[in-house]
């Protein structure tokens, strides 16, 4: 059994992990207006930062924690499905 464990250890040391890389490119024929891009970035920053307010003494209190960027992007994708009319998708 000890010999088997040694062989397994040697095999595992020699077996490297391969990391697959996927390149993502911006869609070629999608020309977005500068106003849309600026508004999207502004809204993304607003959604991902914490909301701070002041109490009666003037101390800052965090009223809403910062949201995770990945979750915000998922919510944006979901919201876009509701904003585009169904007849335009066919």
PDB file of N, CA and C in Angstrom:
ATOM      1  N   UNK A   1       0.829  -1.195   0.000  1.00  0.00           N
ATOM      2  CA  UNK A   1       0.000   0.000   0.000  1.00  0.00           C
ATOM      3  C   UNK A   1       0.869   1.252   0.000  1.00  0.00           C
ATOM      4  N   UNK A   2       1.990   1.193   0.712  1.00  0.00           N
ATOM      5  CA  UNK A   2       2.882   2.343   0.772  1.00  0.00           C
ATOM      6  C   UNK A   2       3.487   2.637  -0.601  1.00  0.00           C
ATOM      7  N   UNK A   3       3.796   1.580  -1.338  1.00  0.00           N
ATOM      8  CA  UNK A   3       4.331   1.764  -2.682  1.00  0.00           C
ATOM      9  C   UNK A   3       3.276   2.432  -3.584  1.00  0.00           C
ATOM     10  N   UNK A   4       2.024   2.015  -3.426  1.00  0.00           N
ATOM     11  CA  UNK A   4       0.938   2.602  -4.206  1.00  0.00           C
ATOM     12  C   UNK A   4       0.794   4.089  -3.887  1.00  0.00           C
ATOM     13  N   UNK A   5       0.884   4.444  -2.601  1.00  0.00           N
ATOM     14  CA  UNK A   5       0.786   5.848  -2.204  1.00  0.00           C
ATOM     15  C   UNK A   5       1.929   6.676  -2.789  1.00  0.00           C
ATOM     16  N   UNK A   6       3.128   6.099  -2.818  1.00  0.00           N
ATOM     17  CA  UNK A   6       4.264   6.809  -3.407  1.00  0.00           C
ATOM     18  C   UNK A   6       4.056   7.029  -4.901  1.00  0.00           C
ATOM     19  N   UNK A   7       3.545   6.005  -5.582  1.00  0.00           N
ATOM     20  CA  UNK A   7       3.303   6.137  -7.018  1.00  0.00           C
ATOM     21  C   UNK A   7       2.231   7.201  -7.289  1.00  0.00           C
ATOM     22  N   UNK A   8       1.206   7.214  -6.467  1.00  0.00           N
ATOM     23  CA  UNK A   8       0.155   8.222  -6.623  1.00  0.00           C
ATOM     24  C   UNK A   8       0.725   9.616  -6.391  1.00  0.00           C
ATOM     25  N   UNK A   9       1.564   9.763  -5.369  1.00  0.00           N
ATOM     26  CA  UNK A   9       2.165  11.070  -5.094  1.00  0.00           C
ATOM     27  C   UNK A   9       3.038  11.528  -6.260  1.00  0.00           C
ATOM     28  N   UNK A  10       3.814  10.616  -6.833  1.00  0.00           N
ATOM     29  CA  UNK A  10       4.653  10.969  -7.980  1.00  0.00           C
ATOM     30  C   UNK A  10       3.795  11.355  -9.182  1.00  0.00           C
ATOM     31  N   UNK A  11       2.745  10.619  -9.385  1.00  0.00           N
ATOM     32  CA  UNK A  11       1.850  10.908 -10.492  1.00  0.00           C
ATOM     33  C   UNK A  11       1.181  12.274 -10.307  1.00  0.00           C
ATOM     34  N   UNK A  12       0.729  12.561  -9.106  1.00  0.00           N
ATOM     35  CA  UNK A  12       0.062  13.831  -8.836  1.00  0.00           C
ATOM     36  C   UNK A  12       1.030  15.000  -8.966  1.00  0.00           C
ATOM     37  N   UNK A  13       2.294  14.811  -8.585  1.00  0.00           N
ATOM     38  CA  UNK A  13       3.280  15.876  -8.717  1.00  0.00           C
ATOM     39  C   UNK A  13       3.580  16.165 -10.184  1.00  0.00           C
ATOM     40  N   UNK A  14       3.583  15.120 -11.004  1.00  0.00           N
ATOM     41  CA  UNK A  14       3.876  15.282 -12.421  1.00  0.00           C
ATOM     42  C   UNK A  14       2.690  15.804 -13.211  1.00  0.00           C
ATOM     43  N   UNK A  15       1.511  15.698 -12.653  1.00  0.00           N
ATOM     44  CA  UNK A  15       0.304  16.125 -13.351  1.00  0.00           C
ATOM     45  C   UNK A  15       0.031  17.579 -13.025  1.00  0.00           C
ATOM     46  N   UNK A  16       0.221  18.437 -13.983  1.00  0.00           N
ATOM     47  CA  UNK A  16      -0.006  19.863 -13.752  1.00  0.00           C
ATOM     48  C   UNK A  16      -1.435  20.237 -14.102  1.00  0.00           C
ATOM     49  N   UNK A  17      -1.872  21.308 -13.549  1.00  0.00           N
ATOM     50  CA  UNK A  17      -3.220  21.776 -13.874  1.00  0.00           C
ATOM     51  C   UNK A  17      -3.115  22.754 -15.032  1.00  0.00           C
ATOM     52  N   UNK A  18      -3.998  22.610 -15.972  1.00  0.00           N
ATOM     53  CA  UNK A  18      -4.044  23.500 -17.118  1.00  0.00           C
ATOM     54  C   UNK A  18      -5.187  24.475 -16.925  1.00  0.00           C
ATOM     55  N   UNK A  19      -4.895  25.718 -17.122  1.00  0.00           N
ATOM     56  CA  UNK A  19      -5.903  26.747 -16.949  1.00  0.00           C
ATOM     57  C   UNK A  19      -6.359  27.204 -18.334  1.00  0.00           C
ATOM     58  N   UNK A  20      -7.638  27.090 -18.573  1.00  0.00           N
ATOM     59  CA  UNK A  20      -8.190  27.490 -19.850  1.00  0.00           C
ATOM     60  C   UNK A  20      -8.480  28.987 -19.827  1.00  0.00           C
ATOM     61  N   UNK A  21      -8.057  29.665 -20.860  1.00  0.00           N
ATOM     62  CA  UNK A  21      -8.268  31.096 -20.958  1.00  0.00           C
ATOM     63  C   UNK A  21      -9.301  31.376 -22.039  1.00  0.00           C
ATOM     64  N   UNK A  22     -10.306  32.145 -21.685  1.00  0.00           N
ATOM     65  CA  UNK A  22     -11.337  32.530 -22.637  1.00  0.00           C
ATOM     66  C   UNK A  22     -11.224  34.024 -22.854  1.00  0.00           C
ATOM     67  N   UNK A  23     -11.035  34.414 -24.100  1.00  0.00           N
ATOM     68  CA  UNK A  23     -10.937  35.838 -24.402  1.00  0.00           C
ATOM     69  C   UNK A  23     -12.320  36.377 -24.694  1.00  0.00           C
ATOM     70  N   UNK A  24     -12.616  37.495 -24.089  1.00  0.00           N
ATOM     71  CA  UNK A  24     -13.884  38.155 -24.339  1.00  0.00           C
ATOM     72  C   UNK A  24     -13.601  39.452 -25.081  1.00  0.00           C
ATOM     73  N   UNK A  25     -14.378  39.674 -26.122  1.00  0.00           N
ATOM     74  CA  UNK A  25     -14.224  40.895 -26.901  1.00  0.00           C
ATOM     75  C   UNK A  25     -15.554  41.638 -26.927  1.00  0.00           C
ATOM     76  N   UNK A  26     -15.466  42.945 -27.029  1.00  0.00           N
ATOM     77  CA  UNK A  26     -16.659  43.765 -27.142  1.00  0.00           C
ATOM     78  C   UNK A  26     -17.313  43.467 -28.485  1.00  0.00           C
ATOM     79  N   UNK A  27     -18.646  43.382 -28.536  1.00  0.00           N
ATOM     80  CA  UNK A  27     -19.321  43.086 -29.806  1.00  0.00           C
ATOM     81  C   UNK A  27     -18.929  44.086 -30.892  1.00  0.00           C
ATOM     82  N   UNK A  28     -18.588  43.564 -32.062  1.00  0.00           N
ATOM     83  CA  UNK A  28     -18.028  44.364 -33.142  1.00  0.00           C
ATOM     84  C   UNK A  28     -18.986  45.446 -33.661  1.00  0.00           C
ATOM     85  N   UNK A  29     -20.232  45.118 -33.858  1.00  0.00           N
ATOM     86  CA  UNK A  29     -21.165  46.048 -34.483  1.00  0.00           C
ATOM     87  C   UNK A  29     -22.048  46.788 -33.478  1.00  0.00           C
ATOM     88  N   UNK A  30     -21.668  46.795 -32.234  1.00  0.00           N
ATOM     89  CA  UNK A  30     -22.449  47.488 -31.208  1.00  0.00           C
ATOM     90  C   UNK A  30     -21.807  48.839 -30.936  1.00  0.00           C
ATOM     91  N   UNK A  31     -22.394  49.875 -31.475  1.00  0.00           N
ATOM     92  CA  UNK A  31     -21.892  51.233 -31.279  1.00  0.00           C
ATOM     93  C   UNK A  31     -22.786  51.936 -30.261  1.00  0.00           C
ATOM     94  N   UNK A  32     -22.303  52.043 -29.051  1.00  0.00           N
ATOM     95  CA  UNK A  32     -23.063  52.693 -27.995  1.00  0.00           C
ATOM     96  C   UNK A  32     -22.707  54.173 -27.933  1.00  0.00           C
ATOM     97  N   UNK A  33     -23.686  54.987 -27.618  1.00  0.00           N
ATOM     98  CA  UNK A  33     -23.431  56.425 -27.519  1.00  0.00           C
ATOM     99  C   UNK A  33     -22.601  56.717 -26.269  1.00  0.00           C
ATOM    100  N   UNK A  34     -21.875  57.808 -26.338  1.00  0.00           N
ATOM    101  CA  UNK A  34     -21.047  58.226 -25.202  1.00  0.00           C
ATOM    102  C   UNK A  34     -21.917  58.541 -23.989  1.00  0.00           C
ATOM    103  N   UNK A  35     -23.109  59.070 -24.221  1.00  0.00           N
ATOM    104  CA  UNK A  35     -24.018  59.387 -23.117  1.00  0.00           C
ATOM    105  C   UNK A  35     -24.450  58.113 -22.394  1.00  0.00           C
ATOM    106  N   UNK A  36     -24.754  57.059 -23.170  1.00  0.00           N
ATOM    107  CA  UNK A  36     -25.162  55.796 -22.561  1.00  0.00           C
ATOM    108  C   UNK A  36     -24.029  55.201 -21.738  1.00  0.00           C
ATOM    109  N   UNK A  37     -22.825  55.206 -22.303  1.00  0.00           N
ATOM    110  CA  UNK A  37     -21.668  54.626 -21.600  1.00  0.00           C
ATOM    111  C   UNK A  37     -21.400  55.390 -20.306  1.00  0.00           C
ATOM    112  N   UNK A  38     -21.439  56.718 -20.378  1.00  0.00           N
ATOM    113  CA  UNK A  38     -21.193  57.531 -19.181  1.00  0.00           C
ATOM    114  C   UNK A  38     -22.279  57.291 -18.133  1.00  0.00           C
ATOM    115  N   UNK A  39     -23.544  57.220 -18.571  1.00  0.00           N
ATOM    116  CA  UNK A  39     -24.643  56.986 -17.630  1.00  0.00           C
ATOM    117  C   UNK A  39     -24.546  55.598 -17.009  1.00  0.00           C
ATOM    118  N   UNK A  40     -24.172  54.607 -17.811  1.00  0.00           N
ATOM    119  CA  UNK A  40     -24.031  53.244 -17.290  1.00  0.00           C
ATOM    120  C   UNK A  40     -22.935  53.178 -16.232  1.00  0.00           C
ATOM    121  N   UNK A  41     -21.786  53.776 -16.534  1.00  0.00           N
ATOM    122  CA  UNK A  41     -20.679  53.770 -15.571  1.00  0.00           C
ATOM    123  C   UNK A  41     -21.062  54.494 -14.285  1.00  0.00           C
ATOM    124  N   UNK A  42     -21.735  55.632 -14.431  1.00  0.00           N
ATOM    125  CA  UNK A  42     -22.162  56.405 -13.261  1.00  0.00           C
ATOM    126  C   UNK A  42     -23.134  55.598 -12.397  1.00  0.00           C
ATOM    127  N   UNK A  43     -24.092  54.934 -13.037  1.00  0.00           N
ATOM    128  CA  UNK A  43     -25.063  54.130 -12.295  1.00  0.00           C
ATOM    129  C   UNK A  43     -24.398  52.923 -11.648  1.00  0.00           C
ATOM    130  N   UNK A  44     -23.434  52.305 -12.338  1.00  0.00           N
ATOM    131  CA  UNK A  44     -22.717  51.167 -11.775  1.00  0.00           C
ATOM    132  C   UNK A  44     -21.954  51.569 -10.518  1.00  0.00           C
ATOM    133  N   UNK A  45     -21.273  52.702 -10.580  1.00  0.00           N
ATOM    134  CA  UNK A  45     -20.541  53.194  -9.406  1.00  0.00           C
ATOM    135  C   UNK A  45     -21.511  53.490  -8.275  1.00  0.00           C
ATOM    136  N   UNK A  46     -22.640  54.113  -8.599  1.00  0.00           N
ATOM    137  CA  UNK A  46     -23.638  54.443  -7.572  1.00  0.00           C
ATOM    138  C   UNK A  46     -24.191  53.181  -6.917  1.00  0.00           C
ATOM    139  N   UNK A  47     -24.400  52.131  -7.697  1.00  0.00           N
ATOM    140  CA  UNK A  47     -24.955  50.887  -7.163  1.00  0.00           C
ATOM    141  C   UNK A  47     -23.938  50.089  -6.336  1.00  0.00           C
ATOM    142  N   UNK A  48     -22.649  50.262  -6.619  1.00  0.00           N
ATOM    143  CA  UNK A  48     -21.638  49.451  -5.931  1.00  0.00           C
ATOM    144  C   UNK A  48     -20.984  50.138  -4.742  1.00  0.00           C
ATOM    145  N   UNK A  49     -21.327  51.384  -4.483  1.00  0.00           N
ATOM    146  CA  UNK A  49     -20.720  52.028  -3.308  1.00  0.00           C
ATOM    147  C   UNK A  49     -21.726  52.079  -2.159  1.00  0.00           C
ATOM    148  N   UNK A  50     -21.190  52.175  -0.969  1.00  0.00           N
ATOM    149  CA  UNK A  50     -22.033  52.218   0.222  1.00  0.00           C
ATOM    150  C   UNK A  50     -22.739  53.570   0.318  1.00  0.00           C
ATOM    151  N   UNK A  51     -23.922  53.556   0.916  1.00  0.00           N
ATOM    152  CA  UNK A  51     -24.679  54.793   1.124  1.00  0.00           C
ATOM    153  C   UNK A  51     -24.416  55.259   2.549  1.00  0.00           C
ATOM    154  N   UNK A  52     -23.934  56.496   2.641  1.00  0.00           N
ATOM    155  CA  UNK A  52     -23.598  57.058   3.944  1.00  0.00           C
ATOM    156  C   UNK A  52     -24.533  58.235   4.246  1.00  0.00           C
ATOM    157  N   UNK A  53     -24.948  58.345   5.500  1.00  0.00           N
ATOM    158  CA  UNK A  53     -25.760  59.472   5.966  1.00  0.00           C
ATOM    159  C   UNK A  53     -25.180  59.973   7.278  1.00  0.00           C
ATOM    160  N   UNK A  54     -25.593  61.156   7.656  1.00  0.00           N
ATOM    161  CA  UNK A  54     -25.124  61.728   8.918  1.00  0.00           C
ATOM    162  C   UNK A  54     -26.214  61.635   9.971  1.00  0.00           C
ATOM    163  N   UNK A  55     -25.787  61.352  11.211  1.00  0.00           N
ATOM    164  CA  UNK A  55     -26.753  61.349  12.302  1.00  0.00           C
ATOM    165  C   UNK A  55     -26.838  62.758  12.891  1.00  0.00           C
ATOM    166  N   UNK A  56     -27.555  62.888  14.007  1.00  0.00           N
ATOM    167  CA  UNK A  56     -27.783  64.199  14.608  1.00  0.00           C
ATOM    168  C   UNK A  56     -26.480  64.873  15.067  1.00  0.00           C
ATOM    169  N   UNK A  57     -25.474  64.078  15.448  1.00  0.00           N
ATOM    170  CA  UNK A  57     -24.198  64.634  15.909  1.00  0.00           C
ATOM    171  C   UNK A  57     -23.239  64.941  14.767  1.00  0.00           C
ATOM    172  N   UNK A  58     -23.597  64.591  13.552  1.00  0.00           N
ATOM    173  CA  UNK A  58     -22.722  64.847  12.412  1.00  0.00           C
ATOM    174  C   UNK A  58     -21.817  63.690  12.062  1.00  0.00           C
ATOM    175  N   UNK A  59     -21.990  62.547  12.729  1.00  0.00           N
ATOM    176  CA  UNK A  59     -21.180  61.361  12.421  1.00  0.00           C
ATOM    177  C   UNK A  59     -21.757  60.641  11.206  1.00  0.00           C
ATOM    178  N   UNK A  60     -20.878  60.108  10.377  1.00  0.00           N
ATOM    179  CA  UNK A  60     -21.339  59.375   9.207  1.00  0.00           C
ATOM    180  C   UNK A  60     -21.738  57.956   9.599  1.00  0.00           C
ATOM    181  N   UNK A  61     -22.898  57.542   9.107  1.00  0.00           N
ATOM    182  CA  UNK A  61     -23.419  56.206   9.376  1.00  0.00           C
ATOM    183  C   UNK A  61     -23.684  55.538   8.041  1.00  0.00           C
ATOM    184  N   UNK A  62     -23.232  54.313   7.917  1.00  0.00           N
ATOM    185  CA  UNK A  62     -23.471  53.553   6.692  1.00  0.00           C
ATOM    186  C   UNK A  62     -24.890  52.993   6.740  1.00  0.00           C
ATOM    187  N   UNK A  63     -25.752  53.481   5.842  1.00  0.00           N
ATOM    188  CA  UNK A  63     -27.146  53.028   5.845  1.00  0.00           C
ATOM    189  C   UNK A  63     -27.369  51.849   4.911  1.00  0.00           C
ATOM    190  N   UNK A  64     -26.498  51.697   3.911  1.00  0.00           N
ATOM    191  CA  UNK A  64     -26.584  50.540   3.021  1.00  0.00           C
ATOM    192  C   UNK A  64     -25.178  50.126   2.656  1.00  0.00           C
ATOM    193  N   UNK A  65     -24.869  48.848   2.835  1.00  0.00           N
ATOM    194  CA  UNK A  65     -23.539  48.351   2.513  1.00  0.00           C
ATOM    195  C   UNK A  65     -23.335  48.350   1.003  1.00  0.00           C
ATOM    196  N   UNK A  66     -22.088  48.365   0.587  1.00  0.00           N
ATOM    197  CA  UNK A  66     -21.767  48.321  -0.842  1.00  0.00           C
ATOM    198  C   UNK A  66     -22.198  46.971  -1.415  1.00  0.00           C
ATOM    199  N   UNK A  67     -22.739  47.003  -2.623  1.00  0.00           N
ATOM    200  CA  UNK A  67     -23.167  45.772  -3.293  1.00  0.00           C
ATOM    201  C   UNK A  67     -21.996  45.206  -4.082  1.00  0.00           C
ATOM    202  N   UNK A  68     -21.993  43.904  -4.270  1.00  0.00           N
ATOM    203  CA  UNK A  68     -20.935  43.251  -5.030  1.00  0.00           C
ATOM    204  C   UNK A  68     -21.101  43.569  -6.517  1.00  0.00           C
ATOM    205  N   UNK A  69     -20.002  43.942  -7.191  1.00  0.00           N
ATOM    206  CA  UNK A  69     -20.090  44.292  -8.606  1.00  0.00           C
ATOM    207  C   UNK A  69     -20.676  43.185  -9.482  1.00  0.00           C
ATOM    208  N   UNK A  70     -20.339  41.944  -9.200  1.00  0.00           N
ATOM    209  CA  UNK A  70     -20.860  40.832 -10.001  1.00  0.00           C
ATOM    210  C   UNK A  70     -22.384  40.754  -9.876  1.00  0.00           C
ATOM    211  N   UNK A  71     -22.904  40.941  -8.688  1.00  0.00           N
ATOM    212  CA  UNK A  71     -24.344  40.897  -8.459  1.00  0.00           C
ATOM    213  C   UNK A  71     -25.042  42.070  -9.152  1.00  0.00           C
ATOM    214  N   UNK A  72     -24.407  43.246  -9.129  1.00  0.00           N
ATOM    215  CA  UNK A  72     -24.982  44.415  -9.791  1.00  0.00           C
ATOM    216  C   UNK A  72     -25.079  44.167 -11.295  1.00  0.00           C
ATOM    217  N   UNK A  73     -24.042  43.585 -11.900  1.00  0.00           N
ATOM    218  CA  UNK A  73     -24.088  43.282 -13.330  1.00  0.00           C
ATOM    219  C   UNK A  73     -25.190  42.280 -13.654  1.00  0.00           C
ATOM    220  N   UNK A  74     -25.356  41.277 -12.810  1.00  0.00           N
ATOM    221  CA  UNK A  74     -26.435  40.305 -13.018  1.00  0.00           C
ATOM    222  C   UNK A  74     -27.798  40.997 -12.949  1.00  0.00           C
ATOM    223  N   UNK A  75     -27.965  41.914 -12.005  1.00  0.00           N
ATOM    224  CA  UNK A  75     -29.228  42.644 -11.888  1.00  0.00           C
ATOM    225  C   UNK A  75     -29.467  43.544 -13.098  1.00  0.00           C
ATOM    226  N   UNK A  76     -28.401  44.171 -13.619  1.00  0.00           N
ATOM    227  CA  UNK A  76     -28.525  44.992 -14.827  1.00  0.00           C
ATOM    228  C   UNK A  76     -28.994  44.139 -16.000  1.00  0.00           C
ATOM    229  N   UNK A  77     -28.394  42.966 -16.162  1.00  0.00           N
ATOM    230  CA  UNK A  77     -28.777  42.083 -17.270  1.00  0.00           C
ATOM    231  C   UNK A  77     -30.239  41.665 -17.146  1.00  0.00           C
ATOM    232  N   UNK A  78     -30.662  41.369 -15.936  1.00  0.00           N
ATOM    233  CA  UNK A  78     -32.048  40.979 -15.718  1.00  0.00           C
ATOM    234  C   UNK A  78     -32.991  42.147 -16.007  1.00  0.00           C
ATOM    235  N   UNK A  79     -32.627  43.341 -15.582  1.00  0.00           N
ATOM    236  CA  UNK A  79     -33.473  44.517 -15.795  1.00  0.00           C
ATOM    237  C   UNK A  79     -33.596  44.854 -17.275  1.00  0.00           C
ATOM    238  N   UNK A  80     -32.522  44.669 -18.048  1.00  0.00           N
ATOM    239  CA  UNK A  80     -32.567  44.975 -19.476  1.00  0.00           C
ATOM    240  C   UNK A  80     -33.577  44.099 -20.207  1.00  0.00           C
ATOM    241  N   UNK A  81     -33.780  42.880 -19.749  1.00  0.00           N
ATOM    242  CA  UNK A  81     -34.769  42.001 -20.376  1.00  0.00           C
ATOM    243  C   UNK A  81     -36.175  42.562 -20.224  1.00  0.00           C
ATOM    244  N   UNK A  82     -36.435  43.260 -19.129  1.00  0.00           N
ATOM    245  CA  UNK A  82     -37.758  43.842 -18.906  1.00  0.00           C
ATOM    246  C   UNK A  82     -37.915  45.170 -19.650  1.00  0.00           C
ATOM    247  N   UNK A  83     -36.810  45.858 -19.901  1.00  0.00           N
ATOM    248  CA  UNK A  83     -36.880  47.171 -20.534  1.00  0.00           C
ATOM    249  C   UNK A  83     -37.006  47.096 -22.051  1.00  0.00           C
ATOM    250  N   UNK A  84     -36.580  45.991 -22.658  1.00  0.00           N
ATOM    251  CA  UNK A  84     -36.668  45.836 -24.111  1.00  0.00           C
ATOM    252  C   UNK A  84     -37.999  45.172 -24.437  1.00  0.00           C
ATOM    253  N   UNK A  85     -38.793  45.755 -25.334  1.00  0.00           N
ATOM    254  CA  UNK A  85     -40.088  45.144 -25.683  1.00  0.00           C
ATOM    255  C   UNK A  85     -39.904  43.764 -26.320  1.00  0.00           C
ATOM    256  N   UNK A  86     -40.804  42.830 -26.007  1.00  0.00           N
ATOM    257  CA  UNK A  86     -40.709  41.461 -26.514  1.00  0.00           C
ATOM    258  C   UNK A  86     -40.740  41.388 -28.030  1.00  0.00           C
ATOM    259  N   UNK A  87     -41.546  42.237 -28.665  1.00  0.00           N
ATOM    260  CA  UNK A  87     -41.658  42.172 -30.119  1.00  0.00           C
ATOM    261  C   UNK A  87     -40.342  42.556 -30.808  1.00  0.00           C
ATOM    262  N   UNK A  88     -39.470  43.290 -30.118  1.00  0.00           N
ATOM    263  CA  UNK A  88     -38.168  43.658 -30.691  1.00  0.00           C
ATOM    264  C   UNK A  88     -37.175  42.525 -30.588  1.00  0.00           C
ATOM    265  N   UNK A  89     -37.429  41.559 -29.717  1.00  0.00           N
ATOM    266  CA  UNK A  89     -36.495  40.445 -29.540  1.00  0.00           C
ATOM    267  C   UNK A  89     -36.671  39.362 -30.586  1.00  0.00           C
ATOM    268  N   UNK A  90     -37.780  39.335 -31.269  1.00  0.00           N
ATOM    269  CA  UNK A  90     -38.027  38.289 -32.273  1.00  0.00           C
ATOM    270  C   UNK A  90     -37.614  38.698 -33.648  1.00  0.00           C
TER     271      UNK A  90
END
